[in-house]
Amino acid sequence: MIDMVPFFVEESGYCRGILPNIIRLADALRTAGGTVTWVVPGSDQPNPGLAREFFGDEIAEVFRTSGGAGPISERVWAGLFPQEQDLYFEKSAYSAFFPGSSNLPGDLRANGIDTVIITGTLTNICCESSARDAYACGFRVIFVADGTAARRDQDHNATLHSIYRSFGDVRPTDEVVSLLSA
């Protein structure tokens, strides 16, 4: 579950629209004995000067602090009901799987996990980047079409096409829940 923090959820009706699907997927994954992971944007950026150069000081600071502060489990949108047994990660790049961005890939491997189900926001930025890098790192990728959200339909749909063509499987929530319960 990528970047489901107040900064994104409060800003976007699309993002609020996927909340029920993410809750269903998290519940189904826990019931099936899977591991739910929550990934939030970190404030430490590897190249802050590039962000300031590209976005300007004010917008770069807004993005740098978009993940909030405090314990990671408390930065996830509360309405998603994160659980104590879930895993929590902070990332320093758009992708949670980019080398050095987070401990997520290593922790998943250490737990014997070889398949990731991608949900969250934004579809075409952090979710797509994470799916591409997860695939490049050797993970099977399932990208949830109605469990990810972008700011525009055309951005969302373009990512779904790219993922399906080259990086993983794209399925709706109902199908993923059915697979988990099989």
C-alpha atoms as a PDB file:
ATOM      1  CA  MET A   1       0.000   0.000   0.000  1.00  0.00           C
ATOM      2  CA  ILE A   2       1.925   2.995  -1.309  1.00  0.00           C
ATOM      3  CA  ASP A   3       1.635   6.591  -0.091  1.00  0.00           C
ATOM      4  CA  MET A   4      -1.826   6.329   1.454  1.00  0.00           C
ATOM      5  CA  VAL A   5      -1.179   9.346   3.660  1.00  0.00           C
ATOM      6  CA  PRO A   6      -3.386  12.393   4.399  1.00  0.00           C
ATOM      7  CA  PHE A   7      -1.518  14.571   1.881  1.00  0.00           C
ATOM      8  CA  PHE A   8      -2.776  12.416  -0.998  1.00  0.00           C
ATOM      9  CA  VAL A   9      -6.056  11.078   0.401  1.00  0.00           C
ATOM     10  CA  GLU A  10      -7.413  14.489   1.433  1.00  0.00           C
ATOM     11  CA  GLU A  11      -6.440  16.053  -1.900  1.00  0.00           C
ATOM     12  CA  SER A  12      -8.043  13.591  -4.286  1.00  0.00           C
ATOM     13  CA  GLY A  13     -11.514  12.179  -4.779  1.00  0.00           C
ATOM     14  CA  TYR A  14      -9.906   9.456  -6.888  1.00  0.00           C
ATOM     15  CA  CYS A  15      -7.725   8.483  -3.941  1.00  0.00           C
ATOM     16  CA  ARG A  16     -10.643   8.454  -1.522  1.00  0.00           C
ATOM     17  CA  GLY A  17     -12.501   6.276  -4.019  1.00  0.00           C
ATOM     18  CA  ILE A  18      -9.983   3.428  -3.718  1.00  0.00           C
ATOM     19  CA  LEU A  19     -10.087   3.293   0.090  1.00  0.00           C
ATOM     20  CA  PRO A  20     -12.756   0.523   0.273  1.00  0.00           C
ATOM     21  CA  ASN A  21     -10.780  -1.626  -2.175  1.00  0.00           C
ATOM     22  CA  ILE A  22      -7.542  -1.229  -0.233  1.00  0.00           C
ATOM     23  CA  ILE A  23      -9.340  -2.174   2.989  1.00  0.00           C
ATOM     24  CA  ARG A  24     -10.800  -5.300   1.314  1.00  0.00           C
ATOM     25  CA  LEU A  25      -7.412  -6.272  -0.091  1.00  0.00           C
ATOM     26  CA  ALA A  26      -5.618  -5.771   3.219  1.00  0.00           C
ATOM     27  CA  ASP A  27      -8.243  -7.844   5.054  1.00  0.00           C
ATOM     28  CA  ALA A  28      -8.117 -10.603   2.407  1.00  0.00           C
ATOM     29  CA  LEU A  29      -4.331 -10.657   2.475  1.00  0.00           C
ATOM     30  CA  ARG A  30      -4.212 -10.939   6.266  1.00  0.00           C
ATOM     31  CA  THR A  31      -6.879 -13.686   6.217  1.00  0.00           C
ATOM     32  CA  ALA A  32      -4.861 -15.620   3.619  1.00  0.00           C
ATOM     33  CA  GLY A  33      -1.762 -15.396   5.822  1.00  0.00           C
ATOM     34  CA  GLY A  34      -0.087 -12.751   3.697  1.00  0.00           C
ATOM     35  CA  THR A  35       1.799  -9.677   4.804  1.00  0.00           C
ATOM     36  CA  VAL A  36       0.378  -6.181   4.486  1.00  0.00           C
ATOM     37  CA  THR A  37       2.993  -3.485   4.004  1.00  0.00           C
ATOM     38  CA  TRP A  38       2.481   0.255   4.185  1.00  0.00           C
ATOM     39  CA  VAL A  39       4.970   2.545   2.467  1.00  0.00           C
ATOM     40  CA  VAL A  40       5.046   6.291   3.083  1.00  0.00           C
ATOM     41  CA  PRO A  41       7.136   9.090   1.579  1.00  0.00           C
ATOM     42  CA  GLY A  42      10.147   9.997   3.679  1.00  0.00           C
ATOM     43  CA  SER A  43      11.456  13.497   4.241  1.00  0.00           C
ATOM     44  CA  ASP A  44      15.083  12.525   3.583  1.00  0.00           C
ATOM     45  CA  GLN A  45      15.736  12.846  -0.124  1.00  0.00           C
ATOM     46  CA  PRO A  46      18.928  11.638  -1.755  1.00  0.00           C
ATOM     47  CA  ASN A  47      19.110  14.711  -4.039  1.00  0.00           C
ATOM     48  CA  PRO A  48      17.174  17.605  -2.462  1.00  0.00           C
ATOM     49  CA  GLY A  49      18.892  20.140  -4.682  1.00  0.00           C
ATOM     50  CA  LEU A  50      17.385  18.545  -7.773  1.00  0.00           C
ATOM     51  CA  ALA A  51      13.887  18.754  -6.296  1.00  0.00           C
ATOM     52  CA  ARG A  52      14.359  22.456  -5.464  1.00  0.00           C
ATOM     53  CA  GLU A  53      15.771  23.087  -8.952  1.00  0.00           C
ATOM     54  CA  PHE A  54      12.875  21.302 -10.657  1.00  0.00           C
ATOM     55  CA  PHE A  55       9.907  22.334  -8.470  1.00  0.00           C
ATOM     56  CA  GLY A  56      11.162  25.493  -6.770  1.00  0.00           C
ATOM     57  CA  ASP A  57      11.767  25.841  -3.035  1.00  0.00           C
ATOM     58  CA  GLU A  58       8.133  26.037  -1.912  1.00  0.00           C
ATOM     59  CA  ILE A  59       6.756  23.049  -3.865  1.00  0.00           C
ATOM     60  CA  ALA A  60       9.867  20.965  -3.159  1.00  0.00           C
ATOM     61  CA  GLU A  61       9.263  21.492   0.554  1.00  0.00           C
ATOM     62  CA  VAL A  62       5.586  20.528   0.215  1.00  0.00           C
ATOM     63  CA  PHE A  63       6.582  17.256  -1.465  1.00  0.00           C
ATOM     64  CA  ARG A  64       9.432  16.650   1.000  1.00  0.00           C
ATOM     65  CA  THR A  65       7.006  16.796   3.919  1.00  0.00           C
ATOM     66  CA  SER A  66       4.059  15.048   2.162  1.00  0.00           C
ATOM     67  CA  GLY A  67       4.546  11.828   4.125  1.00  0.00           C
ATOM     68  CA  GLY A  68       4.041  13.558   7.449  1.00  0.00           C
ATOM     69  CA  ALA A  69       6.089  13.095  10.608  1.00  0.00           C
ATOM     70  CA  GLY A  70       6.108  10.671  13.491  1.00  0.00           C
ATOM     71  CA  PRO A  71       5.828   6.892  13.604  1.00  0.00           C
ATOM     72  CA  ILE A  72       5.130   5.427  10.166  1.00  0.00           C
ATOM     73  CA  SER A  73       2.095   3.480  11.376  1.00  0.00           C
ATOM     74  CA  GLU A  74       0.481   6.752  12.466  1.00  0.00           C
ATOM     75  CA  ARG A  75       1.169   8.453   9.126  1.00  0.00           C
ATOM     76  CA  VAL A  76      -0.976   6.011   7.136  1.00  0.00           C
ATOM     77  CA  TRP A  77      -4.529   7.255   6.529  1.00  0.00           C
ATOM     78  CA  ALA A  78      -6.310   6.159   9.727  1.00  0.00           C
ATOM     79  CA  GLY A  79      -9.447   5.058   7.860  1.00  0.00           C
ATOM     80  CA  LEU A  80      -7.442   2.214   6.310  1.00  0.00           C
ATOM     81  CA  PHE A  81      -7.106   0.555   9.727  1.00  0.00           C
ATOM     82  CA  PRO A  82      -3.415  -0.369   9.649  1.00  0.00           C
ATOM     83  CA  GLN A  83      -2.694  -3.229  12.044  1.00  0.00           C
ATOM     84  CA  GLU A  84       0.152  -3.770  14.487  1.00  0.00           C
ATOM     85  CA  GLN A  85       1.319  -6.930  12.651  1.00  0.00           C
ATOM     86  CA  ASP A  86       1.612  -5.070   9.331  1.00  0.00           C
ATOM     87  CA  LEU A  87       5.022  -3.944   8.099  1.00  0.00           C
ATOM     88  CA  TYR A  88       5.834  -0.241   7.725  1.00  0.00           C
ATOM     89  CA  PHE A  89       8.428   1.418   5.514  1.00  0.00           C
ATOM     90  CA  GLU A  90       9.541   4.909   4.666  1.00  0.00           C
ATOM     91  CA  LYS A  91      10.995   5.473   1.205  1.00  0.00           C
ATOM     92  CA  SER A  92      13.391   8.142  -0.007  1.00  0.00           C
ATOM     93  CA  ALA A  93      12.553   7.871  -3.728  1.00  0.00           C
ATOM     94  CA  TYR A  94       9.392   7.549  -5.805  1.00  0.00           C
ATOM     95  CA  SER A  95       9.939   3.778  -5.864  1.00  0.00           C
ATOM     96  CA  ALA A  96       9.896   1.726  -2.674  1.00  0.00           C
ATOM     97  CA  PHE A  97      12.036  -0.855  -4.521  1.00  0.00           C
ATOM     98  CA  PHE A  98      14.733   1.439  -5.898  1.00  0.00           C
ATOM     99  CA  PRO A  99      18.076   0.337  -4.403  1.00  0.00           C
ATOM    100  CA  GLY A 100      18.659   2.198  -1.157  1.00  0.00           C
ATOM    101  CA  SER A 101      15.199   3.813  -1.101  1.00  0.00           C
ATOM    102  CA  SER A 102      13.836   1.573   1.653  1.00  0.00           C
ATOM    103  CA  ASN A 103      14.359  -1.755   3.400  1.00  0.00           C
ATOM    104  CA  LEU A 104      11.234  -3.162   1.752  1.00  0.00           C
ATOM    105  CA  PRO A 105      12.826  -5.506  -0.842  1.00  0.00           C
ATOM    106  CA  GLY A 106      15.223  -7.079   1.644  1.00  0.00           C
ATOM    107  CA  ASP A 107      12.574  -7.506   4.328  1.00  0.00           C
ATOM    108  CA  LEU A 108      10.169  -9.106   1.843  1.00  0.00           C
ATOM    109  CA  ARG A 109      12.846 -11.566   0.706  1.00  0.00           C
ATOM    110  CA  ALA A 110      13.773 -12.335   4.316  1.00  0.00           C
ATOM    111  CA  ASN A 111      10.125 -13.258   4.897  1.00  0.00           C
ATOM    112  CA  GLY A 112      10.027 -15.520   1.822  1.00  0.00           C
ATOM    113  CA  ILE A 113       7.799 -13.163  -0.163  1.00  0.00           C
ATOM    114  CA  ASP A 114       8.225 -13.289  -3.946  1.00  0.00           C
ATOM    115  CA  THR A 115       4.998 -11.596  -5.111  1.00  0.00           C
ATOM    116  CA  VAL A 116       3.817  -8.048  -4.454  1.00  0.00           C
ATOM    117  CA  ILE A 117       0.344  -6.615  -4.876  1.00  0.00           C
ATOM    118  CA  ILE A 118       0.611  -2.894  -5.625  1.00  0.00           C
ATOM    119  CA  THR A 119      -2.065  -0.459  -4.438  1.00  0.00           C
ATOM    120  CA  GLY A 120      -1.966   3.218  -3.538  1.00  0.00           C
ATOM    121  CA  THR A 121      -1.262   6.546  -5.103  1.00  0.00           C
ATOM    122  CA  LEU A 122      -0.242   8.040  -7.403  1.00  0.00           C
ATOM    123  CA  THR A 123      -0.745   5.310 -10.002  1.00  0.00           C
ATOM    124  CA  ASN A 124       1.577   6.845 -12.565  1.00  0.00           C
ATOM    125  CA  ILE A 125       4.354   7.966 -10.242  1.00  0.00           C
ATOM    126  CA  CYS A 126       5.115   6.074  -7.036  1.00  0.00           C
ATOM    127  CA  CYS A 127       2.995   2.990  -7.755  1.00  0.00           C
ATOM    128  CA  GLU A 128       4.318   2.604 -11.301  1.00  0.00           C
ATOM    129  CA  SER A 129       7.907   3.286 -10.232  1.00  0.00           C
ATOM    130  CA  SER A 130       7.600   0.706  -7.455  1.00  0.00           C
ATOM    131  CA  ALA A 131       6.044  -1.896  -9.770  1.00  0.00           C
ATOM    132  CA  ARG A 132       8.762  -1.463 -12.392  1.00  0.00           C
ATOM    133  CA  ASP A 133      11.559  -1.705  -9.819  1.00  0.00           C
ATOM    134  CA  ALA A 134       9.907  -4.632  -8.007  1.00  0.00           C
ATOM    135  CA  TYR A 135       9.836  -6.511 -11.299  1.00  0.00           C
ATOM    136  CA  ALA A 136      13.466  -5.546 -12.000  1.00  0.00           C
ATOM    137  CA  CYS A 137      14.366  -6.869  -8.521  1.00  0.00           C
ATOM    138  CA  GLY A 138      12.781 -10.235  -9.335  1.00  0.00           C
ATOM    139  CA  PHE A 139       9.394  -9.939  -7.644  1.00  0.00           C
ATOM    140  CA  ARG A 140       6.157 -11.014  -9.306  1.00  0.00           C
ATOM    141  CA  VAL A 141       3.918  -7.964  -9.597  1.00  0.00           C
ATOM    142  CA  ILE A 142       0.140  -7.741  -9.390  1.00  0.00           C
ATOM    143  CA  PHE A 143      -1.030  -4.173  -9.946  1.00  0.00           C
ATOM    144  CA  VAL A 144      -4.571  -3.501  -8.714  1.00  0.00           C
ATOM    145  CA  ALA A 145      -6.424  -1.440 -11.335  1.00  0.00           C
ATOM    146  CA  ASP A 146      -9.127  -0.191  -8.962  1.00  0.00           C
ATOM    147  CA  GLY A 147      -6.811  -0.086  -5.956  1.00  0.00           C
ATOM    148  CA  THR A 148      -4.548   2.615  -7.379  1.00  0.00           C
ATOM    149  CA  ALA A 149      -5.379   6.241  -8.141  1.00  0.00           C
ATOM    150  CA  ALA A 150      -3.949   9.057 -10.241  1.00  0.00           C
ATOM    151  CA  ARG A 151      -5.018  12.656 -10.706  1.00  0.00           C
ATOM    152  CA  ARG A 152      -6.369  12.003 -14.208  1.00  0.00           C
ATOM    153  CA  ASP A 153      -7.957   8.962 -15.845  1.00  0.00           C
ATOM    154  CA  GLN A 154      -5.603   9.079 -18.821  1.00  0.00           C
ATOM    155  CA  ASP A 155      -2.538   8.916 -16.528  1.00  0.00           C
ATOM    156  CA  HIS A 156      -4.026   6.002 -14.620  1.00  0.00           C
ATOM    157  CA  ASN A 157      -4.948   4.099 -17.772  1.00  0.00           C
ATOM    158  CA  ALA A 158      -1.580   4.671 -19.441  1.00  0.00           C
ATOM    159  CA  THR A 159       0.161   3.154 -16.425  1.00  0.00           C
ATOM    160  CA  LEU A 160      -2.163   0.151 -16.369  1.00  0.00           C
ATOM    161  CA  HIS A 161      -1.299  -0.458 -20.021  1.00  0.00           C
ATOM    162  CA  SER A 162       2.456  -0.132 -19.415  1.00  0.00           C
ATOM    163  CA  ILE A 163       2.436  -2.435 -16.407  1.00  0.00           C
ATOM    164  CA  TYR A 164       0.372  -5.086 -18.177  1.00  0.00           C
ATOM    165  CA  ARG A 165       2.543  -4.979 -21.299  1.00  0.00           C
ATOM    166  CA  SER A 166       5.892  -5.250 -19.559  1.00  0.00           C
ATOM    167  CA  PHE A 167       6.056  -5.467 -15.774  1.00  0.00           C
ATOM    168  CA  GLY A 168       3.267  -7.492 -14.217  1.00  0.00           C
ATOM    169  CA  ASP A 169      -0.331  -8.552 -14.074  1.00  0.00           C
ATOM    170  CA  VAL A 170      -3.139  -5.991 -13.805  1.00  0.00           C
ATOM    171  CA  ARG A 171      -6.333  -7.101 -12.064  1.00  0.00           C
ATOM    172  CA  PRO A 172      -9.345  -5.587 -10.314  1.00  0.00           C
ATOM    173  CA  THR A 173      -9.814  -5.940  -6.567  1.00  0.00           C
ATOM    174  CA  ASP A 174     -12.499  -8.641  -6.904  1.00  0.00           C
ATOM    175  CA  GLU A 175     -10.138 -10.928  -8.836  1.00  0.00           C
ATOM    176  CA  VAL A 176      -7.237 -10.407  -6.437  1.00  0.00           C
ATOM    177  CA  VAL A 177      -9.479 -11.113  -3.436  1.00  0.00           C
ATOM    178  CA  SER A 178     -10.714 -14.295  -5.177  1.00  0.00           C
ATOM    179  CA  LEU A 179      -7.144 -15.402  -5.835  1.00  0.00           C
ATOM    180  CA  LEU A 180      -6.200 -14.779  -2.212  1.00  0.00           C
ATOM    181  CA  SER A 181      -9.139 -16.817  -0.925  1.00  0.00           C
ATOM    182  CA  ALA A 182      -8.497 -19.770  -3.296  1.00  0.00           C
END
